[in-house]
């Protein structure tokens, strides 16, 4: 594949989320404000790299959640504590609501529902539990349910006795603070929400499957090192486990029961036929592959992949997965063939190699703090006419590859389940 060189839009700071209302853009981002980690900058950039607008809010950035009515929800801090502002496509604030919460709580994650918001609230201090709440459009609470992370342990956890004797560690409460189980802590599929809370010191987490109408907990996973997650169908989820010797993915039904397990963990994609594939992800030096999940719980291993840090892939309408890894924009087509969409020309050299470098700051360009390397990768967005976009550190990178199609119609064709970055799926009644 060949493409013209990328546009690189330098944003205000480290990027936390990228989204688009549709394939035509613009791309909406949330970032830090330079070294100010207590300010969120929301920004919109068109596919030609032009900065259309940007807004600043108090508080640590969260991912922007976009809606079908071409509005964007931005989480921030305000006079009423945690607030949500709804912006129109021109960046104008339509309304701001305060959410009912306790002073000891912080915002862990949120998603936008047709009639309000669902929020994962996490404790600010050790010894308290997280909770999941459904808020109406005015910020009031419709229901709230505690998500207790209680006795956690794993096979292989040991305790050292005074005499030097080692014995299995008994289950015990988390020693650290309970936080949102990233990278995707909250997903909603029809009548079920999957909310994951995690101990920040051990990484051990539990996913709670909650009825979206009543707030009743339908089931949970066992305490485990939970990582990647995806929506698999009405009320159904794929939950990935990686670490402490775990390396597998399980399918959970609406009752919160695991029905199938695959011996791999990946950045998952689900196409229009329900086929699951993705880029393997394991915190070891072992070989990793582009894989496909078999209907019989087997794994089909495709191209071996070098490197580790990966921009979560996106799947196009022709079945081609596109992702940034090990310094290259890569593509794996429907037949499993791996190719480079673009070499890293312009991304690891001086600024003169860029076609265009845009400083997204007001009123005048200021000092920009840049972090080179593979850290800070966002998910990949597939947009119209072969445009591919993702963020690395404080830069939004936009490629053009005309052979690529638009985003696949599957239930989970990219991270967060779609361009709008709002992992909520509704289904017609059966």
Protein backbone atom coordinates (compact mmCIF):
# COMPACT_ATOMS: atom_id res chain seq x y z
CA UNK A 1 0.00 0.00 0.00
CA UNK A 2 1.08 3.55 -0.61
CA UNK A 3 -0.18 6.81 0.77
CA UNK A 4 0.78 10.43 0.89
CA UNK A 5 2.63 11.68 3.92
CA UNK A 6 0.66 12.41 7.07
CA UNK A 7 -0.78 15.57 8.45
CA UNK A 8 0.29 16.08 12.04
CA UNK A 9 -1.73 18.39 14.28
CA UNK A 10 0.09 19.25 17.46
CA UNK A 11 -2.49 19.60 20.22
CA UNK A 12 -2.39 21.36 23.58
CA UNK A 13 -1.07 18.33 25.47
CA UNK A 14 -1.21 14.57 25.96
CA UNK A 15 -4.30 13.18 24.21
CA UNK A 16 -6.85 11.23 26.27
CA UNK A 17 -9.50 10.46 23.68
CA UNK A 18 -10.41 10.76 20.00
CA UNK A 19 -13.88 10.46 18.46
CA UNK A 20 -15.92 11.55 15.44
CA UNK A 21 -19.66 11.92 14.83
CA UNK A 22 -19.41 10.15 11.49
CA UNK A 23 -16.92 9.27 8.77
CA UNK A 24 -16.82 12.86 7.55
CA UNK A 25 -15.45 14.15 10.86
CA UNK A 26 -14.46 16.37 12.45
CA UNK A 27 -12.26 14.57 14.98
CA UNK A 28 -12.97 15.59 18.58
CA UNK A 29 -10.15 15.19 21.09
CA UNK A 30 -9.63 15.73 24.80
CA UNK A 31 -6.14 16.50 26.09
CA UNK A 32 -4.18 17.95 28.97
CA UNK A 33 -3.29 21.62 28.72
CA UNK A 34 0.47 21.28 28.32
CA UNK A 35 1.95 20.39 31.71
CA UNK A 36 -1.25 21.44 33.48
CA UNK A 37 -2.74 18.07 34.41
CA UNK A 38 -5.76 19.71 36.03
CA UNK A 39 -7.20 21.21 32.87
CA UNK A 40 -9.07 19.54 30.01
CA UNK A 41 -8.82 20.93 26.48
CA UNK A 42 -11.55 19.78 24.08
CA UNK A 43 -10.71 20.38 20.43
CA UNK A 44 -12.21 19.64 16.99
CA UNK A 45 -10.02 19.09 13.92
CA UNK A 46 -11.25 18.50 10.37
CA UNK A 47 -9.75 15.88 8.04
CA UNK A 48 -7.55 18.50 6.40
CA UNK A 49 -5.90 19.16 9.77
CA UNK A 50 -7.63 22.49 10.45
CA UNK A 51 -8.43 23.24 14.09
CA UNK A 52 -12.09 24.26 14.12
CA UNK A 53 -12.51 25.08 17.80
CA UNK A 54 -11.20 24.32 21.25
CA UNK A 55 -12.55 24.75 24.77
CA UNK A 56 -10.94 24.54 28.22
CA UNK A 57 -12.50 23.01 31.32
CA UNK A 58 -11.33 22.43 34.88
CA UNK A 59 -10.40 18.89 35.79
CA UNK A 60 -8.49 15.87 34.52
CA UNK A 61 -9.43 14.81 30.97
CA UNK A 62 -11.80 11.96 30.19
CA UNK A 63 -12.62 10.61 26.75
CA UNK A 64 -15.17 12.68 24.82
CA UNK A 65 -18.52 10.90 24.38
CA UNK A 66 -20.30 11.86 21.18
CA UNK A 67 -24.00 11.37 20.41
CA UNK A 68 -26.06 10.83 17.28
CA UNK A 69 -27.51 14.33 17.62
CA UNK A 70 -24.02 15.71 16.88
CA UNK A 71 -23.33 16.79 20.42
CA UNK A 72 -20.32 15.97 22.61
CA UNK A 73 -20.33 15.33 26.34
CA UNK A 74 -17.26 16.54 28.24
CA UNK A 75 -16.66 15.62 31.89
CA UNK A 76 -15.09 18.28 34.09
CA UNK A 77 -15.02 19.89 37.51
CA UNK A 78 -17.27 22.83 38.37
CA UNK A 79 -19.00 24.70 41.15
CA UNK A 80 -21.24 21.68 41.82
CA UNK A 81 -18.40 19.18 41.84
CA UNK A 82 -18.41 16.74 38.92
CA UNK A 83 -20.23 18.28 35.97
CA UNK A 84 -21.01 17.29 32.40
CA UNK A 85 -21.19 19.82 29.60
CA UNK A 86 -22.98 19.09 26.34
CA UNK A 87 -21.38 20.88 23.38
CA UNK A 88 -22.77 21.26 19.89
CA UNK A 89 -20.68 20.53 16.79
CA UNK A 90 -19.39 24.12 16.81
CA UNK A 91 -18.09 23.79 20.38
CA UNK A 92 -20.83 25.89 21.95
CA UNK A 93 -22.11 24.76 25.36
CA UNK A 94 -25.76 23.73 25.17
CA UNK A 95 -26.11 22.83 28.83
CA UNK A 96 -24.11 21.87 31.88
CA UNK A 97 -25.43 19.54 34.59
CA UNK A 98 -24.09 18.61 38.01
CA UNK A 99 -24.19 14.94 38.99
CA UNK A 100 -25.31 13.77 42.40
CA UNK A 101 -22.30 12.30 44.15
CA UNK A 102 -20.50 12.16 47.51
CA UNK A 103 -17.44 14.31 48.32
CA UNK A 104 -15.43 11.12 48.90
CA UNK A 105 -16.09 9.96 45.31
CA UNK A 106 -14.39 10.73 42.04
CA UNK A 107 -15.54 10.12 38.49
CA UNK A 108 -14.22 6.77 37.30
CA UNK A 109 -15.92 6.52 33.89
CA UNK A 110 -19.14 7.54 32.16
CA UNK A 111 -21.19 6.75 29.08
CA UNK A 112 -24.10 8.58 27.47
CA UNK A 113 -27.55 6.97 27.31
CA UNK A 114 -30.52 8.16 25.23
CA UNK A 115 -32.13 9.61 28.37
CA UNK A 116 -29.20 10.45 30.59
CA UNK A 117 -25.86 9.12 31.73
CA UNK A 118 -24.43 6.06 33.43
CA UNK A 119 -21.49 6.74 35.73
CA UNK A 120 -18.96 4.58 37.51
CA UNK A 121 -18.10 6.37 40.74
CA UNK A 122 -14.88 5.35 42.49
CA UNK A 123 -13.60 6.21 45.98
CA UNK A 124 -10.97 8.87 46.45
CA UNK A 125 -9.49 7.11 49.48
CA UNK A 126 -8.68 3.57 50.56
CA UNK A 127 -11.27 1.41 52.27
CA UNK A 128 -14.39 2.52 50.37
CA UNK A 129 -16.34 0.85 47.57
CA UNK A 130 -17.12 1.96 44.04
CA UNK A 131 -20.69 2.24 42.80
CA UNK A 132 -22.55 2.37 39.50
CA UNK A 133 -25.29 4.97 39.05
CA UNK A 134 -27.79 5.80 36.35
CA UNK A 135 -28.42 9.54 36.16
CA UNK A 136 -31.31 11.24 34.41
CA UNK A 137 -30.77 14.14 32.03
CA UNK A 138 -30.87 16.65 34.89
CA UNK A 139 -28.12 14.84 36.83
CA UNK A 140 -30.43 13.30 39.42
CA UNK A 141 -29.96 9.66 40.35
CA UNK A 142 -32.42 7.08 39.04
CA UNK A 143 -30.67 4.17 40.75
CA UNK A 144 -27.34 3.42 42.36
CA UNK A 145 -25.72 0.12 43.29
CA UNK A 146 -22.50 -0.56 45.24
CA UNK A 147 -19.77 -2.55 43.51
CA UNK A 148 -17.80 -4.03 46.42
CA UNK A 149 -14.31 -5.26 45.68
CA UNK A 150 -13.91 -7.45 48.75
CA UNK A 151 -11.76 -10.53 49.22
CA UNK A 152 -9.32 -10.72 46.34
CA UNK A 153 -6.69 -13.34 45.74
CA UNK A 154 -5.32 -15.46 42.92
CA UNK A 155 -3.63 -18.80 42.58
CA UNK A 156 0.06 -18.03 43.05
CA UNK A 157 -0.45 -15.23 45.59
CA UNK A 158 1.70 -16.11 48.63
CA UNK A 159 2.33 -14.76 52.11
CA UNK A 160 5.75 -14.76 53.82
CA UNK A 161 5.69 -15.96 57.42
CA UNK A 162 8.18 -14.82 60.05
CA UNK A 163 10.14 -18.05 59.92
CA UNK A 164 10.60 -17.69 56.20
CA UNK A 165 7.82 -20.13 55.44
CA UNK A 166 5.70 -19.40 52.39
CA UNK A 167 2.02 -20.23 52.24
CA UNK A 168 -0.86 -19.34 49.90
CA UNK A 169 -2.15 -15.85 50.59
CA UNK A 170 -5.74 -15.88 51.89
CA UNK A 171 -8.34 -13.66 50.23
CA UNK A 172 -8.22 -10.16 51.64
CA UNK A 173 -9.61 -6.69 50.95
CA UNK A 174 -7.72 -4.52 48.47
CA UNK A 175 -4.72 -2.83 50.04
CA UNK A 176 -4.89 0.06 47.62
CA UNK A 177 -7.54 2.42 46.32
CA UNK A 178 -10.34 1.01 44.18
CA UNK A 179 -10.32 2.58 40.72
CA UNK A 180 -11.97 2.15 37.33
CA UNK A 181 -10.79 -0.99 35.55
CA UNK A 182 -9.36 0.45 32.37
CA UNK A 183 -8.97 0.54 29.43
CA UNK A 184 -12.76 0.27 29.04
CA UNK A 185 -14.27 0.33 32.51
CA UNK A 186 -17.94 0.72 31.51
CA UNK A 187 -19.87 -0.76 28.59
CA UNK A 188 -23.64 -0.97 28.03
CA UNK A 189 -25.23 -3.62 25.82
CA UNK A 190 -29.00 -3.59 25.74
CA UNK A 191 -30.30 -4.40 29.21
CA UNK A 192 -26.86 -5.02 30.72
CA UNK A 193 -23.96 -2.88 31.81
CA UNK A 194 -20.48 -4.28 32.42
CA UNK A 195 -18.66 -2.18 35.03
CA UNK A 196 -15.13 -3.08 36.09
CA UNK A 197 -13.42 -1.95 39.28
CA UNK A 198 -9.80 -2.62 40.09
CA UNK A 199 -7.35 -2.53 43.01
CA UNK A 200 -4.72 0.03 42.02
CA UNK A 201 -1.81 -1.75 43.72
CA UNK A 202 -2.39 -5.33 42.56
CA UNK A 203 -4.29 -4.82 39.31
CA UNK A 204 -6.86 -7.41 40.40
CA UNK A 205 -10.34 -6.49 39.18
CA UNK A 206 -13.95 -7.64 39.11
CA UNK A 207 -16.47 -6.96 36.37
CA UNK A 208 -20.08 -6.54 37.56
CA UNK A 209 -22.93 -7.27 35.15
CA UNK A 210 -25.79 -4.93 36.06
CA UNK A 211 -29.40 -4.63 34.86
CA UNK A 212 -29.68 -1.19 33.25
CA UNK A 213 -33.35 -0.75 34.22
CA UNK A 214 -33.20 -1.73 37.90
CA UNK A 215 -29.57 -1.51 38.92
CA UNK A 216 -29.63 -5.10 40.14
CA UNK A 217 -26.36 -7.01 39.85
CA UNK A 218 -26.97 -10.07 37.66
CA UNK A 219 -23.50 -11.60 38.06
CA UNK A 220 -19.79 -10.95 38.40
CA UNK A 221 -16.48 -12.32 37.24
CA UNK A 222 -14.08 -13.84 39.72
CA UNK A 223 -11.34 -11.48 40.94
CA UNK A 224 -8.83 -11.54 38.09
CA UNK A 225 -6.34 -9.42 36.12
CA UNK A 226 -9.00 -8.08 33.73
CA UNK A 227 -7.86 -6.03 30.74
CA UNK A 228 -9.50 -5.70 27.31
CA UNK A 229 -13.29 -5.85 26.94
CA UNK A 230 -15.82 -5.68 24.11
CA UNK A 231 -19.54 -5.99 23.46
CA UNK A 232 -20.41 -9.32 21.83
CA UNK A 233 -24.21 -9.14 21.48
CA UNK A 234 -27.40 -8.16 23.36
CA UNK A 235 -26.38 -8.18 27.01
CA UNK A 236 -23.24 -10.14 26.12
CA UNK A 237 -19.60 -9.23 26.61
CA UNK A 238 -16.08 -10.43 25.88
CA UNK A 239 -13.80 -10.05 28.90
CA UNK A 240 -10.03 -10.46 28.53
CA UNK A 241 -7.69 -11.64 31.28
CA UNK A 242 -3.95 -10.99 31.16
CA UNK A 243 -1.29 -11.13 33.89
CA UNK A 244 -0.34 -13.33 36.87
CA UNK A 245 -0.21 -16.24 34.44
CA UNK A 246 -3.64 -15.56 32.95
CA UNK A 247 -3.93 -15.16 29.19
CA UNK A 248 -7.44 -15.85 27.93
CA UNK A 249 -10.76 -14.27 26.91
CA UNK A 250 -14.23 -15.35 28.04
CA UNK A 251 -17.67 -14.74 26.56
CA UNK A 252 -20.28 -13.82 29.19
CA UNK A 253 -24.02 -14.05 28.59
CA UNK A 254 -26.74 -11.75 29.97
CA UNK A 255 -26.85 -13.76 33.20
CA UNK A 256 -23.18 -13.02 33.80
CA UNK A 257 -22.20 -16.63 33.09
CA UNK A 258 -19.08 -17.49 31.09
CA UNK A 259 -20.14 -19.60 28.10
CA UNK A 260 -16.93 -19.87 26.08
CA UNK A 261 -13.19 -19.33 26.64
CA UNK A 262 -10.32 -18.76 24.18
CA UNK A 263 -6.62 -19.10 25.15
CA UNK A 264 -5.63 -15.62 24.01
CA UNK A 265 -6.03 -11.95 24.96
CA UNK A 266 -6.27 -9.24 22.32
CA UNK A 267 -7.40 -5.80 21.26
CA UNK A 268 -10.66 -7.28 20.01
CA UNK A 269 -12.65 -6.52 16.87
CA UNK A 270 -16.10 -7.98 16.11
CA UNK A 271 -17.21 -7.80 12.49
CA UNK A 272 -20.68 -7.76 10.92
CA UNK A 273 -20.78 -11.59 10.94
CA UNK A 274 -19.83 -11.78 14.61
CA UNK A 275 -16.30 -13.02 13.92
CA UNK A 276 -13.83 -11.91 16.59
CA UNK A 277 -10.24 -11.07 15.72
CA UNK A 278 -7.55 -8.75 16.97
CA UNK A 279 -3.99 -7.92 17.92
CA UNK A 280 -2.68 -10.06 20.76
CA UNK A 281 -1.63 -8.18 23.89
CA UNK A 282 0.54 -9.77 26.58
CA UNK A 283 2.98 -8.15 29.02
CA UNK A 284 5.78 -10.58 28.21
CA UNK A 285 8.52 -11.02 25.63
CA UNK A 286 6.74 -13.96 24.00
CA UNK A 287 5.69 -13.86 20.35
CA UNK A 288 2.39 -12.12 19.63
CA UNK A 289 0.15 -12.51 16.62
CA UNK A 290 -2.88 -11.19 14.84
CA UNK A 291 -5.47 -13.78 15.89
CA UNK A 292 -8.99 -14.92 15.07
CA UNK A 293 -11.27 -16.48 17.68
CA UNK A 294 -12.73 -19.77 16.48
CA UNK A 295 -16.34 -20.83 17.02
CA UNK A 296 -15.04 -23.94 18.83
CA UNK A 297 -12.89 -21.93 21.31
CA UNK A 298 -9.75 -22.45 19.25
CA UNK A 299 -7.46 -19.62 18.13
CA UNK A 300 -6.24 -19.15 14.57
CA UNK A 301 -2.82 -17.52 14.59
CA UNK A 302 -2.06 -15.18 11.72
CA UNK A 303 0.87 -12.85 11.12
CA UNK A 304 3.47 -12.59 13.88
CA UNK A 305 3.87 -9.00 15.09
CA UNK A 306 7.01 -7.24 16.28
CA UNK A 307 7.01 -4.69 19.08
CA UNK A 308 4.45 -4.20 21.84
CA UNK A 309 2.78 -0.77 22.07
CA UNK A 310 -0.30 -0.74 19.85
CA UNK A 311 -2.89 1.80 18.79
CA UNK A 312 -6.14 -0.18 19.20
CA UNK A 313 -7.06 -1.32 15.67
CA UNK A 314 -10.05 -0.45 13.54
CA UNK A 315 -11.71 -2.80 11.05
CA UNK A 316 -12.81 -1.55 7.65
CA UNK A 317 -15.77 -2.62 5.52
CA UNK A 318 -13.58 -5.06 3.56
CA UNK A 319 -12.34 -6.86 6.67
CA UNK A 320 -8.96 -5.13 6.87
CA UNK A 321 -7.68 -4.25 10.35
CA UNK A 322 -5.51 -1.14 10.62
CA UNK A 323 -3.29 -0.30 13.61
CA UNK A 324 -0.06 1.45 14.58
CA UNK A 325 2.58 -0.81 16.14
CA UNK A 326 6.36 -0.87 16.42
CA UNK A 327 6.79 2.34 14.44
CA UNK A 328 4.57 1.46 11.49
CA UNK A 329 0.96 1.82 10.42
CA UNK A 330 0.04 -1.79 9.61
CA UNK A 331 -2.85 -3.52 7.90
CA UNK A 332 -4.01 -7.14 8.10
CA UNK A 333 -6.47 -7.93 5.32
CA UNK A 334 -9.38 -10.38 5.37
CA UNK A 335 -7.06 -13.19 4.15
CA UNK A 336 -4.61 -12.53 6.99
CA UNK A 337 -1.88 -10.87 4.91
CA UNK A 338 0.15 -8.28 6.83
CA UNK A 339 1.40 -5.13 5.09
CA UNK A 340 2.71 -1.69 5.96
CA UNK A 341 0.33 1.10 5.14
CA UNK A 342 3.05 3.62 5.88
CA UNK A 343 6.55 3.64 7.26
CA UNK A 344 7.26 6.02 10.14
CA UNK A 345 8.70 8.69 7.83
CA UNK A 346 8.18 12.06 9.47
CA UNK A 347 7.26 10.64 12.87
CA UNK A 348 10.73 10.14 14.36
CA UNK A 349 12.66 12.89 12.64
CA UNK A 350 12.67 16.68 12.79
CA UNK A 351 9.61 18.76 12.02
CA UNK A 352 10.81 19.64 8.51
CA UNK A 353 9.78 16.15 7.40
CA UNK A 354 6.12 16.85 8.10
CA UNK A 355 3.81 18.00 5.34
CA UNK A 356 2.07 20.30 7.78
CA UNK A 357 2.47 21.02 11.49
CA UNK A 358 -0.34 22.93 13.16
CA UNK A 359 -0.09 24.41 16.63
CA UNK A 360 -3.47 24.15 18.32
CA UNK A 361 -2.98 26.88 20.92
CA UNK A 362 -4.54 30.25 21.55
CA UNK A 363 -3.99 33.13 21.23
CA UNK A 364 -0.32 32.63 20.19
CA UNK A 365 1.83 29.51 19.84
CA UNK A 366 3.49 28.70 23.17
CA UNK A 367 6.01 26.17 24.39
CA UNK A 368 4.81 22.67 23.59
CA UNK A 369 6.00 19.78 25.72
CA UNK A 370 6.50 16.75 23.49
CA UNK A 371 7.04 13.11 24.35
CA UNK A 372 8.56 10.97 21.61
CA UNK A 373 8.41 7.18 21.49
CA UNK A 374 5.51 4.75 21.51
CA UNK A 375 3.67 5.90 24.63
CA UNK A 376 0.34 7.68 24.70
CA UNK A 377 -1.26 5.91 21.74
CA UNK A 378 -4.99 6.39 21.17
CA UNK A 379 -7.34 4.11 19.28
CA UNK A 380 -7.44 4.21 15.46
CA UNK A 381 -10.32 5.94 13.65
CA UNK A 382 -11.27 4.95 10.09
CA UNK A 383 -12.95 7.86 8.31
CA UNK A 384 -14.20 8.69 4.82
CA UNK A 385 -12.15 8.31 1.63
CA UNK A 386 -9.46 6.25 3.34
CA UNK A 387 -8.56 8.70 6.08
CA UNK A 388 -6.95 7.04 9.12
CA UNK A 389 -6.43 8.99 12.33
CA UNK A 390 -4.92 8.32 15.72
CA UNK A 391 -3.05 10.24 18.40
CA UNK A 392 0.41 9.71 19.79
CA UNK A 393 1.35 11.75 22.82
CA UNK A 394 0.30 15.34 21.98
CA UNK A 395 -0.12 14.86 18.23
CA UNK A 396 -3.10 13.93 16.11
CA UNK A 397 -1.85 12.07 13.04
CA UNK A 398 -4.04 11.85 9.93
CA UNK A 399 -3.18 9.55 7.03
CA UNK A 400 -4.88 9.05 3.69
CA UNK A 401 -4.95 5.59 2.10
CA UNK A 402 -7.63 5.39 -0.63
CA UNK A 403 -7.67 1.56 -0.70
CA UNK A 404 -9.11 1.39 2.81
CA UNK A 405 -12.86 1.24 3.33
CA UNK A 406 -14.97 2.95 5.96
CA UNK A 407 -15.55 1.45 9.39
CA UNK A 408 -17.01 -2.07 9.47
CA UNK A 409 -20.70 -2.46 10.42
CA UNK A 410 -19.86 -4.97 13.16
CA UNK A 411 -20.86 -4.54 16.77
CA UNK A 412 -17.28 -3.76 17.87
CA UNK A 413 -15.22 -2.60 14.86
CA UNK A 414 -12.83 -0.48 16.96
CA UNK A 415 -12.19 0.50 20.56
CA UNK A 416 -15.31 1.87 22.28
CA UNK A 417 -17.42 0.18 19.61
CA UNK A 418 -17.66 3.00 17.07
CA UNK A 419 -16.47 6.38 15.90
CA UNK A 420 -18.50 8.27 18.51
CA UNK A 421 -16.46 6.75 21.33
CA UNK A 422 -19.50 5.86 23.43
CA UNK A 423 -19.53 2.11 24.23
CA UNK A 424 -23.33 1.78 24.36
CA UNK A 425 -25.26 -0.57 22.07
CA UNK A 426 -29.04 -0.88 21.87
CA UNK A 427 -30.91 -3.74 20.24
CA UNK A 428 -34.45 -4.12 18.90
CA UNK A 429 -36.74 -6.27 21.05
CA UNK A 430 -36.88 -9.92 20.04
